[in-house]
C-alpha atoms as a PDB file:
ATOM      1  CA  MET A   1       0.000   0.000   0.000  1.00  0.00           C
ATOM      2  CA  GLU A   2       1.276   3.439  -0.910  1.00  0.00           C
ATOM      3  CA  HIS A   3       0.962   6.223   1.632  1.00  0.00           C
ATOM      4  CA  LYS A   4       0.600   9.954   1.047  1.00  0.00           C
ATOM      5  CA  PHE A   5       3.129  11.922   3.066  1.00  0.00           C
ATOM      6  CA  THR A   6       2.421  15.541   4.005  1.00  0.00           C
ATOM      7  CA  ALA A   7       3.887  18.051   6.423  1.00  0.00           C
ATOM      8  CA  ALA A   8       1.054  17.146   8.796  1.00  0.00           C
ATOM      9  CA  ASN A   9       1.875  13.415   8.939  1.00  0.00           C
ATOM     10  CA  PHE A  10       5.571  13.241   7.965  1.00  0.00           C
ATOM     11  CA  GLU A  11       6.934  12.961  11.499  1.00  0.00           C
ATOM     12  CA  LYS A  12       4.498  10.220  12.523  1.00  0.00           C
ATOM     13  CA  GLU A  13       4.486   8.259   9.243  1.00  0.00           C
ATOM     14  CA  VAL A  14       8.162   8.603   8.231  1.00  0.00           C
ATOM     15  CA  LEU A  15      10.408   9.778  11.039  1.00  0.00           C
ATOM     16  CA  ASP A  16       8.733   7.706  13.771  1.00  0.00           C
ATOM     17  CA  ALA A  17       8.145   4.610  11.603  1.00  0.00           C
ATOM     18  CA  GLU A  18       9.277   1.295  13.035  1.00  0.00           C
ATOM     19  CA  ILE A  19      10.296  -0.035   9.608  1.00  0.00           C
ATOM     20  CA  PRO A  20      12.321   1.630   6.809  1.00  0.00           C
ATOM     21  CA  VAL A  21      10.417   4.144   4.687  1.00  0.00           C
ATOM     22  CA  LEU A  22      10.787   4.953   0.980  1.00  0.00           C
ATOM     23  CA  VAL A  23       9.579   8.472   0.166  1.00  0.00           C
ATOM     24  CA  ASP A  24       9.021   9.358  -3.486  1.00  0.00           C
ATOM     25  CA  PHE A  25       9.260  13.146  -3.849  1.00  0.00           C
ATOM     26  CA  TYR A  26       7.418  13.880  -7.103  1.00  0.00           C
ATOM     27  CA  ALA A  27       5.162  16.299  -8.999  1.00  0.00           C
ATOM     28  CA  ASP A  28       2.113  15.533 -11.118  1.00  0.00           C
ATOM     29  CA  TRP A  29       3.560  17.388 -14.141  1.00  0.00           C
ATOM     30  CA  CYS A  30       6.903  15.526 -14.086  1.00  0.00           C
ATOM     31  CA  GLY A  31       7.420  12.980 -16.887  1.00  0.00           C
ATOM     32  CA  PRO A  32      10.182  10.964 -15.174  1.00  0.00           C
ATOM     33  CA  CYS A  33       8.043  10.891 -12.009  1.00  0.00           C
ATOM     34  CA  LYS A  34       5.227   9.298 -14.011  1.00  0.00           C
ATOM     35  CA  MET A  35       7.719   6.730 -15.313  1.00  0.00           C
ATOM     36  CA  MET A  36       8.718   5.808 -11.743  1.00  0.00           C
ATOM     37  CA  ALA A  37       5.158   5.625 -10.380  1.00  0.00           C
ATOM     38  CA  PRO A  38       4.547   1.969 -11.372  1.00  0.00           C
ATOM     39  CA  VAL A  39       7.946   0.969  -9.948  1.00  0.00           C
ATOM     40  CA  VAL A  40       7.147   2.631  -6.624  1.00  0.00           C
ATOM     41  CA  THR A  41       3.732   0.916  -6.577  1.00  0.00           C
ATOM     42  CA  GLN A  42       5.360  -2.468  -7.257  1.00  0.00           C
ATOM     43  CA  LEU A  43       7.859  -1.974  -4.442  1.00  0.00           C
ATOM     44  CA  ALA A  44       5.026  -1.019  -2.064  1.00  0.00           C
ATOM     45  CA  GLU A  45       3.293  -4.304  -2.866  1.00  0.00           C
ATOM     46  CA  GLU A  46       6.404  -6.504  -2.862  1.00  0.00           C
ATOM     47  CA  TYR A  47       7.800  -5.179   0.420  1.00  0.00           C
ATOM     48  CA  GLU A  48       4.492  -4.836   2.306  1.00  0.00           C
ATOM     49  CA  GLY A  49       5.187  -5.215   6.025  1.00  0.00           C
ATOM     50  CA  LYS A  50       8.970  -4.779   5.641  1.00  0.00           C
ATOM     51  CA  LEU A  51       9.007  -1.320   4.063  1.00  0.00           C
ATOM     52  CA  LYS A  52       6.608   1.618   4.163  1.00  0.00           C
ATOM     53  CA  VAL A  53       6.322   3.276   0.765  1.00  0.00           C
ATOM     54  CA  GLY A  54       4.729   6.609  -0.008  1.00  0.00           C
ATOM     55  CA  LYS A  55       4.693   9.736  -2.074  1.00  0.00           C
ATOM     56  CA  CYS A  56       5.207  13.387  -1.262  1.00  0.00           C
ATOM     57  CA  ASN A  57       4.011  15.933  -3.834  1.00  0.00           C
ATOM     58  CA  ILE A  58       6.614  18.711  -3.846  1.00  0.00           C
ATOM     59  CA  ASP A  59       4.132  21.253  -5.229  1.00  0.00           C
ATOM     60  CA  ASP A  60       1.883  20.718  -2.201  1.00  0.00           C
ATOM     61  CA  GLU A  61       4.720  20.162   0.293  1.00  0.00           C
ATOM     62  CA  ASP A  62       7.489  22.532  -0.802  1.00  0.00           C
ATOM     63  CA  GLY A  63       8.646  22.937   2.806  1.00  0.00           C
ATOM     64  CA  LEU A  64       9.435  19.212   3.063  1.00  0.00           C
ATOM     65  CA  ALA A  65      11.153  19.315  -0.323  1.00  0.00           C
ATOM     66  CA  ARG A  66      13.373  22.177   0.863  1.00  0.00           C
ATOM     67  CA  MET A  67      14.054  20.535   4.233  1.00  0.00           C
ATOM     68  CA  TYR A  68      15.304  17.354   2.530  1.00  0.00           C
ATOM     69  CA  ARG A  69      17.140  19.233  -0.230  1.00  0.00           C
ATOM     70  CA  VAL A  70      15.118  17.849  -3.115  1.00  0.00           C
ATOM     71  CA  MET A  71      16.702  19.678  -6.061  1.00  0.00           C
ATOM     72  CA  SER A  72      15.314  17.612  -8.920  1.00  0.00           C
ATOM     73  CA  ILE A  73      12.555  15.079  -9.239  1.00  0.00           C
ATOM     74  CA  PRO A  74      11.843  12.336  -8.895  1.00  0.00           C
ATOM     75  CA  THR A  75      13.927  11.968  -5.764  1.00  0.00           C
ATOM     76  CA  MET A  76      13.465   8.821  -3.713  1.00  0.00           C
ATOM     77  CA  LYS A  77      14.768   8.936  -0.149  1.00  0.00           C
ATOM     78  CA  ILE A  78      15.060   6.036   2.254  1.00  0.00           C
ATOM     79  CA  PHE A  79      14.569   6.740   5.953  1.00  0.00           C
ATOM     80  CA  VAL A  80      15.596   4.361   8.740  1.00  0.00           C
ATOM     81  CA  GLN A  81      14.754   5.234  12.357  1.00  0.00           C
ATOM     82  CA  GLY A  82      14.051   8.822  11.349  1.00  0.00           C
ATOM     83  CA  LYS A  83      17.304   9.329   9.448  1.00  0.00           C
ATOM     84  CA  ASP A  84      17.680   9.986   5.723  1.00  0.00           C
ATOM     85  CA  VAL A  85      20.100   7.169   4.823  1.00  0.00           C
ATOM     86  CA  ALA A  86      19.961   6.956   1.009  1.00  0.00           C
ATOM     87  CA  THR A  87      18.882   9.019  -1.973  1.00  0.00           C
ATOM     88  CA  VAL A  88      18.170   8.004  -5.560  1.00  0.00           C
ATOM     89  CA  VAL A  89      17.545  10.800  -8.062  1.00  0.00           C
ATOM     90  CA  GLY A  90      15.875  10.485 -11.445  1.00  0.00           C
ATOM     91  CA  ALA A  91      14.088   7.757 -13.330  1.00  0.00           C
ATOM     92  CA  VAL A  92      16.157   4.656 -12.610  1.00  0.00           C
ATOM     93  CA  PRO A  93      15.663   0.943 -13.225  1.00  0.00           C
ATOM     94  CA  LYS A  94      13.739  -0.873 -10.501  1.00  0.00           C
ATOM     95  CA  GLU A  95      16.844  -2.961  -9.778  1.00  0.00           C
ATOM     96  CA  GLN A  96      18.870   0.138  -8.911  1.00  0.00           C
ATOM     97  CA  LEU A  97      16.279   1.365  -6.436  1.00  0.00           C
ATOM     98  CA  GLU A  98      15.854  -2.133  -5.033  1.00  0.00           C
ATOM     99  CA  ALA A  99      19.626  -2.433  -4.491  1.00  0.00           C
ATOM    100  CA  GLU A 100      19.501   0.632  -2.222  1.00  0.00           C
ATOM    101  CA  LEU A 101      16.509  -0.799  -0.350  1.00  0.00           C
ATOM    102  CA  LYS A 102      18.235  -4.134   0.232  1.00  0.00           C
ATOM    103  CA  LYS A 103      21.079  -2.319   2.012  1.00  0.00           C
ATOM    104  CA  VAL A 104      18.678  -1.279   4.771  1.00  0.00           C
ATOM    105  CA  LEU A 105      16.270  -4.211   4.883  1.00  0.00           C
END
């Protein structure tokens, strides 16, 4: 299941999560973001229970994007115990993103 992360729920859903969290910082108008959407959905399904996966729309949540230094999109960040431990920028093959996830799972 994919979650929607906002400034209102980011601390509870991401920073306080008991399992690693993948946050997809994206925008609706972004072509590469649209390319990554099915990959992110697949990962949410495949790692259900081991990994929390969600999206953060940078147009709606520009404060979060600035706080985590999202300079280009899509940017996928992996959080473990409230810490930003890995970043993948751009449309990348699923295997590349999965390799980063396996380092923390």
